[in-house]
PDB file of N, CA and C in Angstrom:
ATOM      1  N   MET A   1       1.072  -1.207  -0.086  1.00  0.00           N
ATOM      2  CA  MET A   1      -0.180  -0.203  -0.027  1.00  0.00           C
ATOM      3  C   MET A   1       0.714   0.975  -0.020  1.00  0.00           C
ATOM      4  N   GLU A   2       0.777   2.337  -0.901  1.00  0.00           N
ATOM      5  CA  GLU A   2       1.705   3.311  -1.029  1.00  0.00           C
ATOM      6  C   GLU A   2       0.688   4.268  -0.196  1.00  0.00           C
ATOM      7  N   TYR A   3       1.365   5.079   0.897  1.00  0.00           N
ATOM      8  CA  TYR A   3       1.494   6.054   1.400  1.00  0.00           C
ATOM      9  C   TYR A   3       0.606   7.576   0.817  1.00  0.00           C
ATOM     10  N   ASP A   4      -0.241   7.949   1.111  1.00  0.00           N
ATOM     11  CA  ASP A   4      -1.424   8.872   0.730  1.00  0.00           C
ATOM     12  C   ASP A   4      -1.526  10.112   1.271  1.00  0.00           C
ATOM     13  N   PRO A   5      -1.047  10.998   1.618  1.00  0.00           N
ATOM     14  CA  PRO A   5      -1.103  12.056   2.802  1.00  0.00           C
ATOM     15  C   PRO A   5      -2.512  12.837   2.786  1.00  0.00           C
ATOM     16  N   ARG A   6      -3.185  12.867   1.553  1.00  0.00           N
ATOM     17  CA  ARG A   6      -4.358  13.509   1.515  1.00  0.00           C
ATOM     18  C   ARG A   6      -5.594  12.189   2.431  1.00  0.00           C
ATOM     19  N   ALA A   7      -5.106  11.147   2.473  1.00  0.00           N
ATOM     20  CA  ALA A   7      -6.280  10.158   2.826  1.00  0.00           C
ATOM     21  C   ALA A   7      -6.458  10.167   4.484  1.00  0.00           C
ATOM     22  N   TYR A   8      -5.652  11.379   5.054  1.00  0.00           N
ATOM     23  CA  TYR A   8      -5.722  11.275   7.058  1.00  0.00           C
ATOM     24  C   TYR A   8      -6.004  12.695   6.994  1.00  0.00           C
ATOM     25  N   GLU A   9      -6.533  13.253   7.839  1.00  0.00           N
ATOM     26  CA  GLU A   9      -7.069  14.664   8.300  1.00  0.00           C
ATOM     27  C   GLU A   9      -5.649  15.466   8.789  1.00  0.00           C
ATOM     28  N   PRO A  10      -5.733  16.760   8.423  1.00  0.00           N
ATOM     29  CA  PRO A  10      -4.361  17.633   8.494  1.00  0.00           C
ATOM     30  C   PRO A  10      -4.318  17.958   9.896  1.00  0.00           C
ATOM     31  N   ALA A  11      -3.235  17.841  10.568  1.00  0.00           N
ATOM     32  CA  ALA A  11      -3.078  17.989  11.734  1.00  0.00           C
ATOM     33  C   ALA A  11      -2.843  19.480  12.188  1.00  0.00           C
ATOM     34  N   ALA A  12      -3.132  20.146  13.115  1.00  0.00           N
ATOM     35  CA  ALA A  12      -2.833  21.528  13.433  1.00  0.00           C
ATOM     36  C   ALA A  12      -2.168  21.512  14.828  1.00  0.00           C
ATOM     37  N   VAL A  13      -1.008  21.897  15.102  1.00  0.00           N
ATOM     38  CA  VAL A  13      -0.192  21.743  16.431  1.00  0.00           C
ATOM     39  C   VAL A  13       0.508  22.927  16.392  1.00  0.00           C
ATOM     40  N   THR A  14      -0.168  23.486  17.728  1.00  0.00           N
ATOM     41  CA  THR A  14       0.734  24.788  18.162  1.00  0.00           C
ATOM     42  C   THR A  14       1.618  24.721  19.503  1.00  0.00           C
ATOM     43  N   VAL A  15       3.211  24.618  18.862  1.00  0.00           N
ATOM     44  CA  VAL A  15       4.131  24.692  20.321  1.00  0.00           C
ATOM     45  C   VAL A  15       5.096  25.461  20.248  1.00  0.00           C
ATOM     46  N   ASP A  16       5.551  25.817  21.261  1.00  0.00           N
ATOM     47  CA  ASP A  16       6.726  26.643  21.199  1.00  0.00           C
ATOM     48  C   ASP A  16       8.328  26.205  21.220  1.00  0.00           C
ATOM     49  N   ILE A  17       8.317  24.524  21.713  1.00  0.00           N
ATOM     50  CA  ILE A  17       9.388  23.899  21.462  1.00  0.00           C
ATOM     51  C   ILE A  17       9.501  22.550  20.905  1.00  0.00           C
ATOM     52  N   VAL A  18      10.220  22.129  19.541  1.00  0.00           N
ATOM     53  CA  VAL A  18       9.655  20.845  19.511  1.00  0.00           C
ATOM     54  C   VAL A  18      11.196  20.535  19.581  1.00  0.00           C
ATOM     55  N   ALA A  19      11.436  19.214  20.271  1.00  0.00           N
ATOM     56  CA  ALA A  19      12.711  18.540  20.425  1.00  0.00           C
ATOM     57  C   ALA A  19      12.559  17.469  19.734  1.00  0.00           C
ATOM     58  N   LEU A  20      13.888  16.885  18.724  1.00  0.00           N
ATOM     59  CA  LEU A  20      13.516  15.311  18.025  1.00  0.00           C
ATOM     60  C   LEU A  20      14.588  14.836  18.402  1.00  0.00           C
ATOM     61  N   THR A  21      14.476  13.172  18.803  1.00  0.00           N
ATOM     62  CA  THR A  21      15.676  12.672  19.607  1.00  0.00           C
ATOM     63  C   THR A  21      15.573  11.325  18.603  1.00  0.00           C
ATOM     64  N   ILE A  22      16.923  10.460  18.215  1.00  0.00           N
ATOM     65  CA  ILE A  22      16.784   9.608  17.870  1.00  0.00           C
ATOM     66  C   ILE A  22      17.275   8.633  19.325  1.00  0.00           C
ATOM     67  N   ARG A  23      16.641   8.221  19.626  1.00  0.00           N
ATOM     68  CA  ARG A  23      17.338   6.839  20.262  1.00  0.00           C
ATOM     69  C   ARG A  23      16.920   5.437  19.874  1.00  0.00           C
ATOM     70  N   ASP A  24      17.940   4.495  20.173  1.00  0.00           N
ATOM     71  CA  ASP A  24      17.765   3.095  19.679  1.00  0.00           C
ATOM     72  C   ASP A  24      17.107   3.067  18.122  1.00  0.00           C
ATOM     73  N   GLY A  25      17.600   3.637  17.317  1.00  0.00           N
ATOM     74  CA  GLY A  25      16.976   3.690  16.231  1.00  0.00           C
ATOM     75  C   GLY A  25      15.398   3.996  15.813  1.00  0.00           C
ATOM     76  N   ARG A  26      14.553   4.856  17.063  1.00  0.00           N
ATOM     77  CA  ARG A  26      13.501   5.243  16.970  1.00  0.00           C
ATOM     78  C   ARG A  26      13.372   6.750  17.065  1.00  0.00           C
ATOM     79  N   LEU A  27      12.716   7.249  16.224  1.00  0.00           N
ATOM     80  CA  LEU A  27      12.273   8.861  16.590  1.00  0.00           C
ATOM     81  C   LEU A  27      11.174   9.246  17.815  1.00  0.00           C
ATOM     82  N   HIS A  28      11.798  10.132  18.544  1.00  0.00           N
ATOM     83  CA  HIS A  28      10.960  10.507  19.722  1.00  0.00           C
ATOM     84  C   HIS A  28      11.227  12.073  19.837  1.00  0.00           C
ATOM     85  N   VAL A  29       9.631  12.449  19.848  1.00  0.00           N
ATOM     86  CA  VAL A  29       9.113  13.919  19.591  1.00  0.00           C
ATOM     87  C   VAL A  29       8.807  14.202  21.085  1.00  0.00           C
ATOM     88  N   LEU A  30       9.185  15.122  21.317  1.00  0.00           N
ATOM     89  CA  LEU A  30       8.983  16.301  22.700  1.00  0.00           C
ATOM     90  C   LEU A  30       8.170  17.606  21.956  1.00  0.00           C
ATOM     91  N   LEU A  31       6.897  17.868  22.227  1.00  0.00           N
ATOM     92  CA  LEU A  31       6.510  18.985  21.859  1.00  0.00           C
ATOM     93  C   LEU A  31       6.425  19.878  23.526  1.00  0.00           C
ATOM     94  N   VAL A  32       6.772  21.054  23.455  1.00  0.00           N
ATOM     95  CA  VAL A  32       6.307  21.904  24.730  1.00  0.00           C
ATOM     96  C   VAL A  32       5.790  23.148  24.134  1.00  0.00           C
ATOM     97  N   GLU A  33       4.753  23.449  25.226  1.00  0.00           N
ATOM     98  CA  GLU A  33       3.915  24.689  25.069  1.00  0.00           C
ATOM     99  C   GLU A  33       4.404  25.771  26.260  1.00  0.00           C
ATOM    100  N   ARG A  34       4.639  26.582  26.239  1.00  0.00           N
ATOM    101  CA  ARG A  34       5.045  27.515  27.263  1.00  0.00           C
ATOM    102  C   ARG A  34       4.200  28.024  28.391  1.00  0.00           C
ATOM    103  N   GLY A  35       4.166  27.954  29.335  1.00  0.00           N
ATOM    104  CA  GLY A  35       2.912  28.408  30.589  1.00  0.00           C
ATOM    105  C   GLY A  35       3.247  30.018  30.557  1.00  0.00           C
ATOM    106  N   GLU A  36       3.632  30.633  29.547  1.00  0.00           N
ATOM    107  CA  GLU A  36       3.805  32.237  30.032  1.00  0.00           C
ATOM    108  C   GLU A  36       3.928  32.882  28.664  1.00  0.00           C
ATOM    109  N   GLU A  37       3.994  33.932  28.770  1.00  0.00           N
ATOM    110  CA  GLU A  37       3.811  34.418  27.517  1.00  0.00           C
ATOM    111  C   GLU A  37       5.555  34.746  27.163  1.00  0.00           C
ATOM    112  N   PRO A  38       5.651  34.672  25.576  1.00  0.00           N
ATOM    113  CA  PRO A  38       7.213  34.917  25.259  1.00  0.00           C
ATOM    114  C   PRO A  38       7.829  36.075  25.416  1.00  0.00           C
ATOM    115  N   TYR A  39       8.839  36.254  25.556  1.00  0.00           N
ATOM    116  CA  TYR A  39       9.137  37.710  25.526  1.00  0.00           C
ATOM    117  C   TYR A  39       9.252  38.419  23.987  1.00  0.00           C
ATOM    118  N   LEU A  40       8.976  39.674  24.212  1.00  0.00           N
ATOM    119  CA  LEU A  40       8.889  39.935  22.773  1.00  0.00           C
ATOM    120  C   LEU A  40       9.311  41.623  22.602  1.00  0.00           C
ATOM    121  N   GLY A  41       9.840  41.783  21.273  1.00  0.00           N
ATOM    122  CA  GLY A  41      10.474  43.259  20.825  1.00  0.00           C
ATOM    123  C   GLY A  41      11.873  43.276  21.633  1.00  0.00           C
ATOM    124  N   ARG A  42      12.624  44.704  21.358  1.00  0.00           N
ATOM    125  CA  ARG A  42      13.979  44.819  22.174  1.00  0.00           C
ATOM    126  C   ARG A  42      13.799  44.811  23.371  1.00  0.00           C
ATOM    127  N   LYS A  43      13.137  45.066  24.053  1.00  0.00           N
ATOM    128  CA  LYS A  43      12.406  45.335  25.789  1.00  0.00           C
ATOM    129  C   LYS A  43      13.144  43.702  26.310  1.00  0.00           C
ATOM    130  N   GLY A  44      11.978  42.729  25.525  1.00  0.00           N
ATOM    131  CA  GLY A  44      11.648  41.273  25.592  1.00  0.00           C
ATOM    132  C   GLY A  44      13.257  40.764  25.707  1.00  0.00           C
ATOM    133  N   VAL A  45      13.776  41.041  24.409  1.00  0.00           N
ATOM    134  CA  VAL A  45      15.048  40.437  23.971  1.00  0.00           C
ATOM    135  C   VAL A  45      16.099  40.770  25.533  1.00  0.00           C
ATOM    136  N   GLU A  46      16.177  42.214  25.908  1.00  0.00           N
ATOM    137  CA  GLU A  46      17.178  42.544  27.044  1.00  0.00           C
ATOM    138  C   GLU A  46      16.846  42.042  28.398  1.00  0.00           C
ATOM    139  N   GLU A  47      14.950  41.720  28.855  1.00  0.00           N
ATOM    140  CA  GLU A  47      15.020  40.692  29.886  1.00  0.00           C
ATOM    141  C   GLU A  47      14.848  39.373  29.698  1.00  0.00           C
ATOM    142  N   TYR A  48      15.198  38.801  28.463  1.00  0.00           N
ATOM    143  CA  TYR A  48      15.169  37.237  28.431  1.00  0.00           C
ATOM    144  C   TYR A  48      16.702  36.996  28.725  1.00  0.00           C
ATOM    145  N   TRP A  49      17.670  38.087  28.229  1.00  0.00           N
ATOM    146  CA  TRP A  49      19.255  37.613  28.357  1.00  0.00           C
ATOM    147  C   TRP A  49      19.776  38.008  29.614  1.00  0.00           C
ATOM    148  N   SER A  50      18.555  38.656  30.339  1.00  0.00           N
ATOM    149  CA  SER A  50      19.007  39.234  32.042  1.00  0.00           C
ATOM    150  C   SER A  50      18.739  37.873  32.788  1.00  0.00           C
ATOM    151  N   THR A  51      17.550  37.483  32.477  1.00  0.00           N
ATOM    152  CA  THR A  51      16.740  36.224  32.920  1.00  0.00           C
ATOM    153  C   THR A  51      17.536  34.829  32.933  1.00  0.00           C
ATOM    154  N   VAL A  52      17.986  34.472  31.603  1.00  0.00           N
ATOM    155  CA  VAL A  52      18.538  32.965  31.513  1.00  0.00           C
ATOM    156  C   VAL A  52      20.437  33.060  31.489  1.00  0.00           C
ATOM    157  N   THR A  53      20.775  34.185  31.813  1.00  0.00           N
ATOM    158  CA  THR A  53      22.378  34.343  32.530  1.00  0.00           C
ATOM    159  C   THR A  53      22.441  34.439  33.742  1.00  0.00           C
ATOM    160  N   ALA A  54      21.095  34.747  34.404  1.00  0.00           N
ATOM    161  CA  ALA A  54      21.475  34.994  35.985  1.00  0.00           C
ATOM    162  C   ALA A  54      22.216  33.976  37.021  1.00  0.00           C
ATOM    163  N   THR A  55      22.251  32.658  36.567  1.00  0.00           N
ATOM    164  CA  THR A  55      23.116  31.602  37.040  1.00  0.00           C
ATOM    165  C   THR A  55      24.519  31.100  36.598  1.00  0.00           C
ATOM    166  N   GLN A  56      24.533  31.755  35.319  1.00  0.00           N
ATOM    167  CA  GLN A  56      25.924  31.673  34.897  1.00  0.00           C
ATOM    168  C   GLN A  56      27.239  31.940  35.144  1.00  0.00           C
ATOM    169  N   SER A  57      28.281  30.897  35.595  1.00  0.00           N
ATOM    170  CA  SER A  57      29.423  31.549  35.740  1.00  0.00           C
ATOM    171  C   SER A  57      30.347  31.340  34.787  1.00  0.00           C
ATOM    172  N   ASP A  58      31.550  31.693  34.881  1.00  0.00           N
ATOM    173  CA  ASP A  58      32.862  30.629  34.396  1.00  0.00           C
ATOM    174  C   ASP A  58      32.535  30.673  32.795  1.00  0.00           C
ATOM    175  N   VAL A  59      31.595  31.588  32.041  1.00  0.00           N
ATOM    176  CA  VAL A  59      31.250  31.646  30.736  1.00  0.00           C
ATOM    177  C   VAL A  59      32.449  31.930  29.792  1.00  0.00           C
ATOM    178  N   ARG A  60      32.526  31.117  28.789  1.00  0.00           N
ATOM    179  CA  ARG A  60      33.474  31.113  27.713  1.00  0.00           C
ATOM    180  C   ARG A  60      32.659  31.095  26.306  1.00  0.00           C
ATOM    181  N   VAL A  61      32.759  31.564  25.379  1.00  0.00           N
ATOM    182  CA  VAL A  61      31.646  31.601  24.393  1.00  0.00           C
ATOM    183  C   VAL A  61      32.662  32.170  23.044  1.00  0.00           C
ATOM    184  N   TRP A  62      32.143  31.302  21.976  1.00  0.00           N
ATOM    185  CA  TRP A  62      32.643  31.159  20.778  1.00  0.00           C
ATOM    186  C   TRP A  62      31.312  31.707  19.746  1.00  0.00           C
ATOM    187  N   MET A  63      31.842  32.133  18.647  1.00  0.00           N
ATOM    188  CA  MET A  63      30.485  32.970  17.769  1.00  0.00           C
ATOM    189  C   MET A  63      31.136  32.576  16.320  1.00  0.00           C
ATOM    190  N   GLY A  64      30.535  31.634  15.674  1.00  0.00           N
ATOM    191  CA  GLY A  64      30.878  31.371  14.220  1.00  0.00           C
ATOM    192  C   GLY A  64      30.777  32.757  13.238  1.00  0.00           C
ATOM    193  N   GLN A  65      30.833  32.406  11.864  1.00  0.00           N
ATOM    194  CA  GLN A  65      30.709  33.960  10.916  1.00  0.00           C
ATOM    195  C   GLN A  65      29.636  33.819  11.220  1.00  0.00           C
ATOM    196  N   PRO A  66      28.886  35.183  11.172  1.00  0.00           N
ATOM    197  CA  PRO A  66      27.617  35.332  10.899  1.00  0.00           C
ATOM    198  C   PRO A  66      27.124  35.484   9.376  1.00  0.00           C
ATOM    199  N   VAL A  67      25.541  34.999   8.972  1.00  0.00           N
ATOM    200  CA  VAL A  67      25.124  35.081   7.765  1.00  0.00           C
ATOM    201  C   VAL A  67      24.159  36.490   7.658  1.00  0.00           C
ATOM    202  N   ILE A  68      24.504  37.413   7.086  1.00  0.00           N
ATOM    203  CA  ILE A  68      23.784  38.077   7.172  1.00  0.00           C
ATOM    204  C   ILE A  68      22.547  38.250   5.726  1.00  0.00           C
ATOM    205  N   GLU A  69      21.582  38.846   5.780  1.00  0.00           N
ATOM    206  CA  GLU A  69      20.849  38.655   4.923  1.00  0.00           C
ATOM    207  C   GLU A  69      19.421  39.991   5.006  1.00  0.00           C
ATOM    208  N   GLY A  70      19.703  41.404   4.398  1.00  0.00           N
ATOM    209  CA  GLY A  70      18.772  42.139   4.687  1.00  0.00           C
ATOM    210  C   GLY A  70      19.233  42.520   6.412  1.00  0.00           C
ATOM    211  N   ASP A  71      18.019  42.533   6.911  1.00  0.00           N
ATOM    212  CA  ASP A  71      17.926  43.098   8.303  1.00  0.00           C
ATOM    213  C   ASP A  71      17.872  41.769   9.426  1.00  0.00           C
ATOM    214  N   ARG A  72      18.144  40.656   8.674  1.00  0.00           N
ATOM    215  CA  ARG A  72      18.373  39.233   9.706  1.00  0.00           C
ATOM    216  C   ARG A  72      19.215  38.762   9.611  1.00  0.00           C
ATOM    217  N   VAL A  73      19.992  38.292  10.533  1.00  0.00           N
ATOM    218  CA  VAL A  73      21.267  37.591  10.573  1.00  0.00           C
ATOM    219  C   VAL A  73      21.094  36.605  11.303  1.00  0.00           C
ATOM    220  N   ILE A  74      21.875  35.601  11.091  1.00  0.00           N
ATOM    221  CA  ILE A  74      22.119  33.938  11.729  1.00  0.00           C
ATOM    222  C   ILE A  74      23.387  33.789  12.056  1.00  0.00           C
ATOM    223  N   VAL A  75      23.418  33.349  13.389  1.00  0.00           N
ATOM    224  CA  VAL A  75      25.049  32.954  13.658  1.00  0.00           C
ATOM    225  C   VAL A  75      25.055  31.741  14.771  1.00  0.00           C
ATOM    226  N   GLU A  76      26.144  30.836  14.747  1.00  0.00           N
ATOM    227  CA  GLU A  76      26.405  29.710  15.807  1.00  0.00           C
ATOM    228  C   GLU A  76      27.113  30.614  16.771  1.00  0.00           C
ATOM    229  N   PHE A  77      26.732  29.843  18.000  1.00  0.00           N
ATOM    230  CA  PHE A  77      27.272  30.121  19.119  1.00  0.00           C
ATOM    231  C   PHE A  77      27.728  28.442  19.629  1.00  0.00           C
ATOM    232  N   TRP A  78      28.729  28.591  20.430  1.00  0.00           N
ATOM    233  CA  TRP A  78      29.297  27.564  20.883  1.00  0.00           C
ATOM    234  C   TRP A  78      29.528  28.373  22.623  1.00  0.00           C
ATOM    235  N   THR A  79      29.026  27.608  23.792  1.00  0.00           N
ATOM    236  CA  THR A  79      29.317  28.196  24.980  1.00  0.00           C
ATOM    237  C   THR A  79      29.529  27.409  25.961  1.00  0.00           C
ATOM    238  N   ARG A  80      30.736  27.450  27.046  1.00  0.00           N
ATOM    239  CA  ARG A  80      30.948  26.639  27.669  1.00  0.00           C
ATOM    240  C   ARG A  80      30.839  27.580  29.244  1.00  0.00           C
ATOM    241  N   MET A  81      30.293  26.727  30.119  1.00  0.00           N
ATOM    242  CA  MET A  81      29.688  27.481  31.547  1.00  0.00           C
ATOM    243  C   MET A  81      29.351  26.599  32.599  1.00  0.00           C
ATOM    244  N   LEU A  82      29.217  27.326  33.694  1.00  0.00           N
ATOM    245  CA  LEU A  82      29.037  26.388  34.724  1.00  0.00           C
ATOM    246  C   LEU A  82      27.345  27.242  34.777  1.00  0.00           C
ATOM    247  N   GLY A  83      26.437  26.672  34.747  1.00  0.00           N
ATOM    248  CA  GLY A  83      25.171  26.859  35.155  1.00  0.00           C
ATOM    249  C   GLY A  83      24.437  26.468  36.664  1.00  0.00           C
ATOM    250  N   GLY A  84      24.195  26.940  37.361  1.00  0.00           N
ATOM    251  CA  GLY A  84      23.932  26.806  38.841  1.00  0.00           C
ATOM    252  C   GLY A  84      25.017  26.069  39.327  1.00  0.00           C
ATOM    253  N   GLY A  85      26.131  26.281  38.965  1.00  0.00           N
ATOM    254  CA  GLY A  85      27.307  25.341  39.396  1.00  0.00           C
ATOM    255  C   GLY A  85      27.590  23.949  38.825  1.00  0.00           C
ATOM    256  N   GLU A  86      26.946  23.884  37.766  1.00  0.00           N
ATOM    257  CA  GLU A  86      27.226  22.263  36.912  1.00  0.00           C
ATOM    258  C   GLU A  86      27.394  22.836  35.682  1.00  0.00           C
ATOM    259  N   PRO A  87      28.514  21.692  35.319  1.00  0.00           N
ATOM    260  CA  PRO A  87      29.502  22.036  34.131  1.00  0.00           C
ATOM    261  C   PRO A  87      28.794  21.879  32.720  1.00  0.00           C
ATOM    262  N   LEU A  88      28.315  23.048  31.929  1.00  0.00           N
ATOM    263  CA  LEU A  88      27.497  22.672  30.766  1.00  0.00           C
ATOM    264  C   LEU A  88      28.072  23.405  29.370  1.00  0.00           C
ATOM    265  N   THR A  89      27.675  22.633  28.185  1.00  0.00           N
ATOM    266  CA  THR A  89      28.357  23.410  26.895  1.00  0.00           C
ATOM    267  C   THR A  89      26.880  23.522  26.409  1.00  0.00           C
ATOM    268  N   LEU A  90      26.931  24.720  25.627  1.00  0.00           N
ATOM    269  CA  LEU A  90      25.564  24.726  24.986  1.00  0.00           C
ATOM    270  C   LEU A  90      25.833  25.567  23.505  1.00  0.00           C
ATOM    271  N   VAL A  91      25.528  24.481  22.565  1.00  0.00           N
ATOM    272  CA  VAL A  91      25.743  24.983  20.968  1.00  0.00           C
ATOM    273  C   VAL A  91      24.617  25.178  20.370  1.00  0.00           C
ATOM    274  N   GLY A  92      24.456  26.381  19.578  1.00  0.00           N
ATOM    275  CA  GLY A  92      22.991  26.654  18.789  1.00  0.00           C
ATOM    276  C   GLY A  92      23.341  27.818  18.386  1.00  0.00           C
ATOM    277  N   ASN A  93      22.151  28.495  17.199  1.00  0.00           N
ATOM    278  CA  ASN A  93      22.286  29.348  16.299  1.00  0.00           C
ATOM    279  C   ASN A  93      21.284  30.153  16.904  1.00  0.00           C
ATOM    280  N   LEU A  94      21.585  31.639  16.587  1.00  0.00           N
ATOM    281  CA  LEU A  94      20.692  32.909  16.880  1.00  0.00           C
ATOM    282  C   LEU A  94      20.372  33.455  15.563  1.00  0.00           C
ATOM    283  N   LEU A  95      19.098  33.384  15.239  1.00  0.00           N
ATOM    284  CA  LEU A  95      18.028  34.172  14.365  1.00  0.00           C
ATOM    285  C   LEU A  95      17.631  35.404  15.025  1.00  0.00           C
ATOM    286  N   MET A  96      18.036  36.557  14.432  1.00  0.00           N
ATOM    287  CA  MET A  96      18.107  37.572  14.984  1.00  0.00           C
ATOM    288  C   MET A  96      17.648  38.807  13.825  1.00  0.00           C
ATOM    289  N   ARG A  97      16.498  39.978  13.780  1.00  0.00           N
ATOM    290  CA  ARG A  97      15.863  40.904  12.937  1.00  0.00           C
ATOM    291  C   ARG A  97      16.618  42.178  13.710  1.00  0.00           C
ATOM    292  N   PHE A  98      17.045  42.989  13.251  1.00  0.00           N
ATOM    293  CA  PHE A  98      17.352  44.497  13.049  1.00  0.00           C
ATOM    294  C   PHE A  98      16.416  45.478  12.716  1.00  0.00           C
ATOM    295  N   ASP A  99      16.288  46.643  13.980  1.00  0.00           N
ATOM    296  CA  ASP A  99      15.443  47.475  13.100  1.00  0.00           C
ATOM    297  C   ASP A  99      15.988  48.991  12.407  1.00  0.00           C
ATOM    298  N   ASP A 100      15.482  50.140  11.950  1.00  0.00           N
ATOM    299  CA  ASP A 100      16.180  50.524  11.615  1.00  0.00           C
ATOM    300  C   ASP A 100      17.344  51.202  12.357  1.00  0.00           C
ATOM    301  N   ASP A 101      17.160  51.610  13.513  1.00  0.00           N
ATOM    302  CA  ASP A 101      18.281  51.738  14.419  1.00  0.00           C
ATOM    303  C   ASP A 101      19.508  50.865  14.952  1.00  0.00           C
ATOM    304  N   SER A 102      19.298  50.010  13.911  1.00  0.00           N
ATOM    305  CA  SER A 102      20.491  48.835  13.842  1.00  0.00           C
ATOM    306  C   SER A 102      20.604  48.006  15.620  1.00  0.00           C
ATOM    307  N   LEU A 103      19.540  48.282  16.289  1.00  0.00           N
ATOM    308  CA  LEU A 103      19.099  47.150  17.429  1.00  0.00           C
ATOM    309  C   LEU A 103      18.270  46.369  16.945  1.00  0.00           C
ATOM    310  N   CYS A 104      18.773  45.188  18.040  1.00  0.00           N
ATOM    311  CA  CYS A 104      17.785  43.814  18.026  1.00  0.00           C
ATOM    312  C   CYS A 104      16.500  43.951  18.273  1.00  0.00           C
ATOM    313  N   SER A 105      15.425  43.663  17.230  1.00  0.00           N
ATOM    314  CA  SER A 105      14.219  43.901  17.634  1.00  0.00           C
ATOM    315  C   SER A 105      13.623  42.389  17.847  1.00  0.00           C
ATOM    316  N   ASP A 106      14.081  41.569  17.482  1.00  0.00           N
ATOM    317  CA  ASP A 106      13.573  39.912  17.198  1.00  0.00           C
ATOM    318  C   ASP A 106      14.641  38.707  17.567  1.00  0.00           C
ATOM    319  N   LEU A 107      14.578  38.128  18.494  1.00  0.00           N
ATOM    320  CA  LEU A 107      15.468  37.052  18.440  1.00  0.00           C
ATOM    321  C   LEU A 107      15.010  35.669  18.535  1.00  0.00           C
ATOM    322  N   ARG A 108      15.443  34.591  17.800  1.00  0.00           N
ATOM    323  CA  ARG A 108      15.137  33.252  18.206  1.00  0.00           C
ATOM    324  C   ARG A 108      16.466  32.732  18.205  1.00  0.00           C
ATOM    325  N   GLU A 109      16.360  31.620  18.966  1.00  0.00           N
ATOM    326  CA  GLU A 109      17.555  30.496  19.213  1.00  0.00           C
ATOM    327  C   GLU A 109      16.999  29.659  19.228  1.00  0.00           C
ATOM    328  N   TYR A 110      17.853  28.794  18.671  1.00  0.00           N
ATOM    329  CA  TYR A 110      18.077  26.519  18.673  1.00  0.00           C
ATOM    330  C   TYR A 110      19.515  26.820  19.103  1.00  0.00           C
ATOM    331  N   TRP A 111      18.921  25.434  20.159  1.00  0.00           N
ATOM    332  CA  TRP A 111      20.522  25.170  20.651  1.00  0.00           C
ATOM    333  C   TRP A 111      20.159  23.632  21.248  1.00  0.00           C
ATOM    334  N   GLN A 112      21.439  23.236  21.690  1.00  0.00           N
ATOM    335  CA  GLN A 112      21.554  21.900  21.980  1.00  0.00           C
ATOM    336  C   GLN A 112      22.611  22.180  23.460  1.00  0.00           C
ATOM    337  N   LEU A 113      21.754  21.206  24.709  1.00  0.00           N
ATOM    338  CA  LEU A 113      22.693  21.360  25.924  1.00  0.00           C
ATOM    339  C   LEU A 113      22.917  19.960  26.379  1.00  0.00           C
ATOM    340  N   VAL A 114      24.463  20.412  26.573  1.00  0.00           N
ATOM    341  CA  VAL A 114      25.411  19.007  26.765  1.00  0.00           C
ATOM    342  C   VAL A 114      25.688  19.100  28.267  1.00  0.00           C
ATOM    343  N   PRO A 115      25.366  18.259  29.304  1.00  0.00           N
ATOM    344  CA  PRO A 115      25.880  18.410  30.660  1.00  0.00           C
ATOM    345  C   PRO A 115      27.308  17.841  30.932  1.00  0.00           C
ATOM    346  N   GLU A 116      28.189  18.663  30.554  1.00  0.00           N
ATOM    347  CA  GLU A 116      29.593  18.680  30.404  1.00  0.00           C
ATOM    348  C   GLU A 116      30.684  19.641  29.745  1.00  0.00           C
ATOM    349  N   LEU A 117      31.911  20.217  30.072  1.00  0.00           N
ATOM    350  CA  LEU A 117      32.611  21.246  29.203  1.00  0.00           C
ATOM    351  C   LEU A 117      33.052  20.188  27.979  1.00  0.00           C
ATOM    352  N   ARG A 118      32.760  21.029  26.936  1.00  0.00           N
ATOM    353  CA  ARG A 118      33.146  20.700  25.709  1.00  0.00           C
ATOM    354  C   ARG A 118      33.668  22.097  24.956  1.00  0.00           C
ATOM    355  N   ASP A 119      35.100  22.070  24.100  1.00  0.00           N
ATOM    356  CA  ASP A 119      35.773  23.016  23.493  1.00  0.00           C
ATOM    357  C   ASP A 119      34.930  22.765  21.722  1.00  0.00           C
ATOM    358  N   PRO A 120      34.625  24.119  20.981  1.00  0.00           N
ATOM    359  CA  PRO A 120      34.450  23.575  19.581  1.00  0.00           C
ATOM    360  C   PRO A 120      36.009  22.925  18.848  1.00  0.00           C
ATOM    361  N   TRP A 121      35.750  22.049  18.063  1.00  0.00           N
ATOM    362  CA  TRP A 121      36.870  21.447  17.294  1.00  0.00           C
ATOM    363  C   TRP A 121      37.247  22.897  16.344  1.00  0.00           C
ATOM    364  N   PRO A 122      38.650  22.029  15.778  1.00  0.00           N
ATOM    365  CA  PRO A 122      39.223  23.266  15.194  1.00  0.00           C
ATOM    366  C   PRO A 122      38.256  23.535  13.880  1.00  0.00           C
ATOM    367  N   GLY A 123      38.308  24.778  13.696  1.00  0.00           N
ATOM    368  CA  GLY A 123      37.292  25.118  11.975  1.00  0.00           C
ATOM    369  C   GLY A 123      35.892  25.213  12.360  1.00  0.00           C
ATOM    370  N   TRP A 124      35.762  24.854  13.473  1.00  0.00           N
ATOM    371  CA  TRP A 124      34.130  25.434  13.882  1.00  0.00           C
ATOM    372  C   TRP A 124      33.674  26.651  13.659  1.00  0.00           C
ATOM    373  N   GLY A 125      32.512  27.062  13.387  1.00  0.00           N
ATOM    374  CA  GLY A 125      32.040  28.179  12.923  1.00  0.00           C
ATOM    375  C   GLY A 125      32.545  28.878  11.663  1.00  0.00           C
ATOM    376  N   GLU A 126      33.476  28.332  11.092  1.00  0.00           N
ATOM    377  CA  GLU A 126      33.738  29.281   9.993  1.00  0.00           C
ATOM    378  C   GLU A 126      33.131  28.989   8.701  1.00  0.00           C
TER     379      GLU A 126
END
């Protein structure tokens, strides 16, 4: 039997975070819906960063070569730190939009957190 997507009702799912993982050869999907409103606008970007960095220490950050298209920028980041005293490596992407004054007005980030300290490999972020 051939798969026909039209044979099924279309799904409508609204979530804030989708985590896809393959374990033991099987796909696992985690959908997360926020319990509060997202941070919005330039003030929201400032509030977000002051909140998420409050328990971080011994932070070391590497930034990749940014890709710029009009008022949007995407850039990779690699961060080693202690989060609440625990060793963490956070690797991801920042997708930003800038306003007419060249200030960040929208920020989206995608990342993976590893519970150990890792440095980027040679040539990472080029």
